[in-house]
Protein backbone atom coordinates (compact mmCIF):
# COMPACT_ATOMS: atom_id res chain seq x y z
CA MET A 1 10.89 -8.25 -1.40
CA ILE A 2 8.50 -10.46 -3.38
CA ILE A 3 7.35 -8.80 -6.60
CA GLY A 4 4.20 -10.21 -8.21
CA VAL A 5 3.17 -9.71 -11.83
CA PRO A 6 -0.38 -10.92 -12.55
CA LYS A 7 -1.71 -11.33 -16.07
CA GLU A 8 -3.72 -8.32 -17.20
CA VAL A 9 -7.45 -9.03 -17.24
CA LYS A 10 -8.84 -5.94 -18.96
CA THR A 11 -10.45 -6.73 -22.33
CA LEU A 12 -7.79 -7.40 -25.00
CA GLU A 13 -5.04 -6.01 -22.77
CA ASN A 14 -1.89 -7.88 -23.79
CA ARG A 15 0.77 -5.76 -22.12
CA VAL A 16 2.76 -7.06 -19.16
CA ALA A 17 4.32 -5.02 -16.36
CA LEU A 18 7.75 -6.66 -16.33
CA LEU A 19 10.00 -8.14 -19.02
CA PRO A 20 12.51 -10.98 -18.47
CA GLY A 21 15.31 -8.41 -18.36
CA GLY A 22 13.54 -6.73 -15.46
CA VAL A 23 13.32 -10.04 -13.60
CA THR A 24 17.11 -10.30 -13.90
CA GLN A 25 17.50 -6.85 -12.31
CA PHE A 26 15.34 -7.88 -9.35
CA THR A 27 16.87 -11.30 -8.75
CA ARG A 28 20.39 -9.86 -8.82
CA ARG A 29 19.30 -7.78 -5.83
CA ASP A 30 17.98 -10.88 -4.02
CA HIS A 31 14.33 -10.07 -4.65
CA LYS A 32 11.90 -12.80 -5.69
CA VAL A 33 9.66 -12.43 -8.73
CA LEU A 34 6.35 -14.24 -9.29
CA ILE A 35 4.90 -14.19 -12.81
CA GLU A 36 1.42 -15.46 -13.53
CA LYS A 37 1.31 -18.17 -16.17
CA GLU A 38 1.22 -16.72 -19.72
CA ALA A 39 1.31 -13.12 -18.44
CA GLY A 40 3.86 -12.18 -21.10
CA VAL A 41 2.59 -14.26 -24.02
CA GLY A 42 0.59 -11.42 -25.58
CA THR A 43 3.73 -9.31 -25.68
CA GLY A 44 5.84 -12.12 -27.12
CA PHE A 45 7.59 -13.37 -23.97
CA SER A 46 7.03 -16.99 -22.97
CA ASP A 47 6.95 -18.47 -19.48
CA GLU A 48 10.20 -20.28 -20.33
CA LEU A 49 11.98 -16.95 -20.90
CA TYR A 50 10.92 -15.77 -17.46
CA GLU A 51 11.93 -19.04 -15.80
CA GLU A 52 15.37 -18.89 -17.42
CA VAL A 53 16.12 -15.64 -15.57
CA GLY A 54 14.85 -16.84 -12.21
CA ALA A 55 11.15 -16.01 -12.07
CA GLU A 56 8.67 -18.40 -10.48
CA ILE A 57 5.70 -19.11 -12.74
CA VAL A 58 2.44 -19.21 -10.78
CA ASP A 59 -0.76 -20.71 -12.16
CA GLU A 60 -3.34 -18.50 -10.45
CA ALA A 61 -3.61 -14.75 -10.01
CA GLU A 62 -4.98 -15.24 -6.50
CA GLU A 63 -1.68 -16.75 -5.37
CA ILE A 64 0.27 -13.85 -6.88
CA TRP A 65 -1.81 -11.29 -4.97
CA GLU A 66 -1.65 -13.32 -1.76
CA ARG A 67 2.13 -13.78 -1.72
CA ALA A 68 3.53 -10.58 -3.21
CA ASP A 69 4.75 -7.57 -1.24
CA MET A 70 4.52 -5.43 -4.36
CA ILE A 71 2.19 -5.96 -7.30
CA MET A 72 3.29 -4.55 -10.65
CA LYS A 73 0.56 -4.13 -13.25
CA VAL A 74 -0.12 -2.10 -16.36
CA LYS A 75 -3.80 -1.19 -16.01
CA GLU A 76 -5.84 -0.31 -12.96
CA PRO A 77 -7.38 -3.21 -11.01
CA ILE A 78 -10.87 -4.00 -12.28
CA GLU A 79 -13.79 -5.22 -10.21
CA GLN A 80 -12.84 -8.89 -10.23
CA GLU A 81 -9.47 -7.93 -8.71
CA TYR A 82 -10.69 -5.64 -5.94
CA ASP A 83 -10.99 -8.37 -3.32
CA LEU A 84 -7.51 -9.69 -4.16
CA ILE A 85 -5.69 -6.54 -3.03
CA GLN A 86 -3.99 -7.06 0.34
CA GLU A 87 -3.65 -4.64 3.24
CA ASP A 88 -0.25 -2.88 3.25
CA GLN A 89 0.54 -4.34 -0.18
CA ILE A 90 2.23 -1.98 -2.64
CA VAL A 91 0.36 -1.75 -5.95
CA PHE A 92 2.37 -0.01 -8.67
CA THR A 93 0.38 0.57 -11.86
CA TYR A 94 -1.71 3.05 -13.82
CA PHE A 95 -4.74 3.91 -11.67
CA HIS A 96 -6.40 7.05 -13.10
CA PHE A 97 -8.44 7.28 -9.89
CA ALA A 98 -10.14 10.56 -10.83
CA ALA A 99 -12.07 8.75 -13.54
CA SER A 100 -13.62 6.15 -11.19
CA GLN A 101 -15.06 6.66 -7.73
CA LYS A 102 -15.74 2.91 -7.50
CA LEU A 103 -12.07 2.09 -8.01
CA THR A 104 -11.01 4.82 -5.59
CA GLU A 105 -13.28 3.50 -2.85
CA ALA A 106 -12.22 -0.12 -3.46
CA VAL A 107 -8.54 0.73 -3.15
CA ARG A 108 -9.18 2.79 -0.02
CA GLU A 109 -11.04 -0.12 1.54
CA SER A 110 -8.22 -2.54 0.70
CA GLY A 111 -5.71 -0.69 2.87
CA CYS A 112 -2.97 -1.01 0.25
CA VAL A 113 -0.34 1.52 -0.82
CA ALA A 114 -1.29 2.72 -4.30
CA ILE A 115 1.53 4.27 -6.33
CA ALA A 116 0.21 5.52 -9.67
CA TYR A 117 2.41 5.56 -12.74
CA GLU A 118 0.55 8.54 -14.16
CA THR A 119 1.36 10.93 -11.29
CA VAL A 120 5.06 10.15 -10.81
CA GLU A 121 6.37 13.61 -11.65
CA LYS A 122 9.78 15.16 -12.27
CA SER A 123 10.82 18.59 -11.02
CA ASP A 124 10.16 20.08 -14.46
CA GLY A 125 6.54 18.90 -14.34
CA SER A 126 7.03 16.05 -16.81
CA LEU A 127 5.42 12.65 -16.19
CA PRO A 128 8.06 10.03 -17.07
CA LEU A 129 5.84 6.97 -16.66
CA LEU A 130 2.96 8.45 -18.61
CA THR A 131 5.08 9.79 -21.47
CA PRO A 132 5.79 6.54 -23.39
CA MET A 133 2.16 5.47 -23.38
CA SER A 134 1.09 8.99 -24.33
CA GLU A 135 3.44 8.75 -27.29
CA VAL A 136 1.87 5.44 -28.32
CA ALA A 137 -1.70 6.65 -27.75
CA GLY A 138 -1.08 9.89 -29.64
CA ARG A 139 0.25 8.09 -32.69
CA MET A 140 -2.50 5.50 -32.50
CA ALA A 141 -5.18 8.19 -32.22
CA THR A 142 -4.47 9.37 -35.75
CA GLN A 143 -4.11 5.82 -37.02
CA GLU A 144 -7.44 4.76 -35.53
CA GLY A 145 -9.11 7.99 -36.58
CA ALA A 146 -8.03 7.38 -40.18
CA LYS A 147 -9.44 3.86 -40.01
CA PHE A 148 -12.83 4.94 -38.69
CA LEU A 149 -13.09 7.72 -41.26
CA GLU A 150 -13.55 4.90 -43.77
CA ARG A 151 -17.17 4.59 -44.85
CA ALA A 152 -17.33 0.91 -43.94
CA SER A 153 -16.40 1.91 -40.38
CA GLY A 154 -19.11 4.56 -40.12
CA GLY A 155 -17.05 7.57 -41.15
CA LYS A 156 -17.32 10.11 -43.96
CA GLY A 157 -15.30 8.01 -46.37
CA VAL A 158 -12.42 10.47 -46.37
CA LEU A 159 -8.79 9.49 -46.98
CA LEU A 160 -6.66 11.33 -44.45
CA GLY A 161 -3.94 12.35 -46.90
CA GLY A 162 -6.14 12.90 -49.95
CA ILE A 163 -4.74 12.33 -53.46
CA PRO A 164 -3.63 14.64 -56.29
CA GLY A 165 -6.64 16.70 -57.25
CA VAL A 166 -8.56 15.81 -54.06
CA PRO A 167 -7.75 17.74 -50.87
CA PRO A 168 -6.66 15.92 -47.70
CA ALA A 169 -8.69 15.62 -44.53
CA ASN A 170 -8.78 18.33 -41.88
CA VAL A 171 -7.65 17.21 -38.42
CA LEU A 172 -8.12 19.11 -35.15
CA VAL A 173 -5.94 18.15 -32.18
CA ILE A 174 -7.02 19.68 -28.87
CA GLY A 175 -4.03 19.75 -26.54
CA GLY A 176 -0.38 20.42 -27.32
CA GLY A 177 1.25 17.98 -24.90
CA ILE A 178 2.84 14.60 -25.59
CA VAL A 179 -0.35 13.03 -26.96
CA GLY A 180 -1.22 16.04 -29.09
CA VAL A 181 2.23 16.44 -30.58
CA ASN A 182 2.42 12.77 -31.52
CA SER A 183 -1.09 12.85 -33.00
CA ALA A 184 -0.26 15.93 -35.04
CA LYS A 185 3.04 14.47 -36.27
CA ILE A 186 1.31 11.39 -37.66
CA ALA A 187 -1.59 13.37 -39.14
CA ALA A 188 0.80 15.80 -40.82
CA GLY A 189 3.00 12.96 -41.99
CA MET A 190 -0.01 11.35 -43.66
CA GLY A 191 -0.66 14.63 -45.46
CA ALA A 192 -3.64 15.94 -43.51
CA ASN A 193 -4.27 19.63 -42.89
CA THR A 194 -3.71 19.68 -39.13
CA THR A 195 -4.54 22.24 -36.46
CA ILE A 196 -3.24 21.85 -32.91
CA MET A 197 -4.78 23.83 -30.04
CA ASP A 198 -3.47 24.67 -26.58
CA ILE A 199 -4.02 27.30 -23.89
CA ASP A 200 -0.28 27.93 -23.39
CA MET A 201 0.95 30.52 -25.85
CA ASP A 202 4.60 29.70 -25.19
CA ARG A 203 3.83 26.10 -26.11
CA LEU A 204 2.05 27.20 -29.28
CA ARG A 205 5.01 29.37 -30.28
CA TYR A 206 7.33 26.40 -29.83
CA LEU A 207 5.04 24.09 -31.83
CA ASP A 208 4.72 26.69 -34.56
CA ASP A 209 8.51 26.61 -34.90
CA VAL A 210 9.05 22.85 -34.90
CA MET A 211 6.00 21.24 -36.50
CA ALA A 212 5.62 20.42 -40.19
CA TYR A 213 4.46 22.98 -42.74
CA ASN A 214 0.90 21.57 -42.76
CA VAL A 215 0.38 22.02 -39.00
CA ASN A 216 -1.26 25.25 -37.85
CA THR A 217 -1.51 26.38 -34.24
CA MET A 218 -4.54 27.99 -32.60
CA PHE A 219 -5.37 29.14 -29.08
CA SER A 220 -7.78 26.73 -27.40
CA SER A 221 -11.05 28.40 -26.44
CA GLU A 222 -14.70 27.46 -26.66
CA ALA A 223 -15.21 29.95 -29.48
CA ASN A 224 -12.31 28.57 -31.52
CA ILE A 225 -13.36 24.98 -30.96
CA ARG A 226 -16.90 25.82 -32.13
CA LYS A 227 -15.44 27.60 -35.16
CA MET A 228 -13.33 24.59 -36.17
CA LEU A 229 -15.69 21.67 -35.55
CA PRO A 230 -17.90 22.12 -38.66
CA LYS A 231 -14.78 22.13 -40.87
CA VAL A 232 -12.91 19.07 -39.60
CA ASP A 233 -13.05 15.38 -40.38
CA LEU A 234 -11.18 14.09 -37.32
CA VAL A 235 -11.00 15.51 -33.80
CA ILE A 236 -8.44 14.18 -31.32
CA GLY A 237 -8.91 15.03 -27.64
CA ALA A 238 -5.45 15.17 -26.08
CA VAL A 239 -5.83 17.24 -22.92
CA LEU A 240 -4.41 16.30 -19.53
CA LYS A 241 -4.67 17.67 -16.00
CA HIS A 242 -2.21 15.79 -13.82
CA GLY A 243 -4.16 13.13 -11.92
CA ALA A 244 -7.43 15.05 -12.28
CA LYS A 245 -10.57 14.71 -14.36
CA ALA A 246 -10.25 16.03 -17.88
CA PRO A 247 -12.25 19.17 -18.71
CA LYS A 248 -15.20 18.74 -21.11
CA LEU A 249 -14.13 20.79 -24.11
CA VAL A 250 -16.54 19.47 -26.74
CA THR A 251 -20.10 19.53 -25.44
CA ARG A 252 -23.17 17.65 -26.68
CA ASP A 253 -24.68 20.73 -28.27
CA MET A 254 -21.56 21.22 -30.42
CA LEU A 255 -22.16 17.93 -32.22
CA LYS A 256 -25.09 19.36 -34.15
CA ASP A 257 -22.70 21.68 -35.99
CA MET A 258 -20.47 18.83 -37.13
CA VAL A 259 -20.83 16.85 -40.36
CA PRO A 260 -22.19 13.32 -39.81
CA GLY A 261 -19.43 10.75 -40.10
CA THR A 262 -16.86 12.99 -38.43
CA VAL A 263 -14.67 10.95 -36.06
CA MET A 264 -13.74 11.97 -32.51
CA VAL A 265 -10.96 10.11 -30.69
CA ASP A 266 -10.86 10.83 -26.96
CA VAL A 267 -7.40 9.95 -25.66
CA ALA A 268 -8.32 11.62 -22.34
CA ILE A 269 -10.91 8.92 -21.64
CA ASP A 270 -8.68 7.39 -18.94
CA GLN A 271 -9.21 10.60 -16.99
CA GLY A 272 -12.95 10.75 -17.68
CA GLY A 273 -12.79 12.08 -21.25
CA CYS A 274 -12.66 15.60 -22.69
CA PHE A 275 -15.82 15.24 -24.80
CA GLU A 276 -19.14 15.45 -22.95
CA THR A 277 -20.51 12.50 -24.94
CA SER A 278 -17.53 10.22 -24.29
CA ARG A 279 -17.90 6.90 -22.48
CA PRO A 280 -15.28 4.16 -22.11
CA THR A 281 -15.06 1.56 -24.90
CA THR A 282 -12.86 -1.47 -25.55
CA HIS A 283 -10.74 -2.78 -28.41
CA GLU A 284 -13.46 -5.39 -28.89
CA ASP A 285 -16.16 -2.74 -29.40
CA PRO A 286 -14.27 0.54 -29.90
CA VAL A 287 -16.78 2.97 -31.37
CA TYR A 288 -20.34 4.24 -31.06
CA GLU A 289 -22.28 7.11 -32.58
CA VAL A 290 -23.92 10.13 -30.99
CA ASP A 291 -25.88 12.42 -33.32
CA GLY A 292 -24.12 10.85 -36.29
CA ILE A 293 -20.63 11.52 -34.90
CA VAL A 294 -18.34 8.51 -34.48
CA HIS A 295 -16.75 8.30 -31.01
CA TYR A 296 -13.61 6.22 -30.36
CA CYS A 297 -12.97 6.07 -26.59
CA VAL A 298 -10.85 2.98 -25.90
CA THR A 299 -9.36 3.25 -22.41
CA ASN A 300 -6.25 1.16 -23.08
CA MET A 301 -5.25 2.16 -26.59
CA PRO A 302 -1.58 1.10 -26.25
CA GLY A 303 -2.77 -2.43 -25.42
CA ALA A 304 -3.40 -2.95 -29.13
CA VAL A 305 0.36 -2.79 -29.80
CA PRO A 306 1.64 -4.60 -26.70
CA HIS A 307 5.13 -5.40 -27.91
CA THR A 308 6.01 -1.76 -28.55
CA SER A 309 4.05 -0.50 -25.56
CA THR A 310 5.43 -2.94 -23.01
CA ILE A 311 9.03 -2.28 -23.92
CA GLY A 312 8.46 1.49 -23.88
CA LEU A 313 6.67 1.35 -20.52
CA THR A 314 9.01 -1.02 -18.69
CA ASN A 315 12.06 0.96 -19.81
CA MET A 316 10.70 3.72 -17.59
CA THR A 317 8.96 1.90 -14.72
CA LEU A 318 11.75 -0.54 -13.82
CA PRO A 319 14.18 1.96 -12.21
CA TYR A 320 11.40 3.25 -9.93
CA ALA A 321 10.24 -0.27 -9.07
CA ILE A 322 13.80 -1.21 -8.12
CA GLN A 323 13.98 1.80 -5.78
CA ILE A 324 10.77 0.67 -4.08
CA ALA A 325 11.93 -2.94 -3.78
CA ASP A 326 15.40 -2.05 -2.49
CA LYS A 327 14.36 0.60 0.03
CA GLY A 328 10.69 -0.07 0.83
CA TRP A 329 8.02 2.40 -0.24
CA GLU A 330 8.41 4.80 2.71
CA LYS A 331 12.15 5.36 2.26
CA ALA A 332 11.95 5.33 -1.53
CA CYS A 333 9.24 7.99 -1.54
CA SER A 334 10.98 10.03 1.15
CA GLU A 335 14.17 10.14 -0.91
CA SER A 336 12.51 10.63 -4.31
CA GLU A 337 10.19 13.56 -4.91
CA GLU A 338 9.23 11.90 -8.18
CA LEU A 339 7.94 8.77 -6.44
CA LYS A 340 6.34 10.82 -3.67
CA HIS A 341 4.08 12.39 -6.30
CA GLY A 342 3.05 8.86 -7.28
CA LEU A 343 1.50 8.11 -3.90
CA ASN A 344 -2.26 8.43 -4.41
CA ILE A 345 -3.77 6.33 -1.61
CA VAL A 346 -2.01 5.04 1.52
CA ASN A 347 -3.71 2.65 3.94
CA GLY A 348 -7.17 3.98 3.16
CA GLU A 349 -6.24 7.67 3.03
CA ILE A 350 -6.21 9.66 -0.21
CA THR A 351 -2.88 11.49 -0.51
CA TYR A 352 -3.26 13.04 -3.97
CA PRO A 353 -5.43 16.18 -3.83
CA TYR A 354 -6.87 15.98 -7.35
CA VAL A 355 -8.28 12.51 -6.64
CA ALA A 356 -10.04 13.82 -3.54
CA GLU A 357 -11.25 16.86 -5.45
CA ALA A 358 -12.82 14.68 -8.16
CA PHE A 359 -15.21 13.10 -5.65
CA ASP A 360 -15.37 15.80 -2.96
CA MET A 361 -13.50 13.60 -0.49
CA GLU A 362 -11.04 14.47 2.26
CA TRP A 363 -7.33 13.91 1.77
CA SER A 364 -4.18 13.81 3.88
CA LYS A 365 -0.78 15.26 3.14
CA VAL A 366 1.55 12.54 1.92
CA ASP A 367 4.32 13.62 4.32
CA GLU A 368 2.19 12.39 7.20
CA PHE A 369 2.88 8.83 6.03
CA LEU A 370 6.61 9.21 5.45
């Protein structure tokens, strides 16, 4: 199989989908790897490093898309890439289809086989290809929130950890999954008074046992969110519904009860956002204000730390990519329930129900294609 790795084109996205070590794994199995020129430079891996392990360096993205049987990316294709996707081509990347009808329709029209990192799912319900980036995004959410709480960045001018004689900031984390836990760990580690919310009481009991002394747990409900918002300095939205649009947990009318300069970081923005006033932003222009409340809604947060993020991501994606390359997508997905969950669109047909539900579209059972 020919595996193609184009350079990421999303704004300030420096991650790359395959490291030189991954190229070695493919070439040992007699697969061919095409790497777009300078695709790995932002992560710290030169073209020469890829060539040394057998990759072919290709000057133009168009050639990569034209020649490859399987495209490996990090972020979803953006508009300038839509026409490059080939019929029957495997595209293995983060898609987050439920957040974009335009992307969903473009991929359907291409006739490709779209396998989404974020919906590859283990039998215990965990998402192995989403987890490492959720860990990065969760830790970054607190880091970025602390930065934008600075007065020069539009915030209240509050130091997250406070100082002797001055109390620390109050942080609310909505969602007790991977993102939420990592956000709360960093906030607590910086000394902030931290509250983490979830709707699963068993999860809250577990978090109450294992989190630091300055982390409180609270059941997530509209009433409790309304109660907390006037008291907090930083709100981190960390909810996830597998492959589906995120629920809107902080509505526009709630902002009036918050203190101007409060910061909200919406890590769920890839799935449409969990704040009603959220809209996608970039690392180049990360924040905006609504009713005096600072919103940080960058859709590719881990792209700001590409070296860490790329290594963490490719550690997890490579074994699945090798299965696809060795067996072909049909056999690989037939033999792996985890990969089967990753199939979102096949030859124009939606095969992941939550994507169809997001846009009131029809869908087909994935087994029909295997």
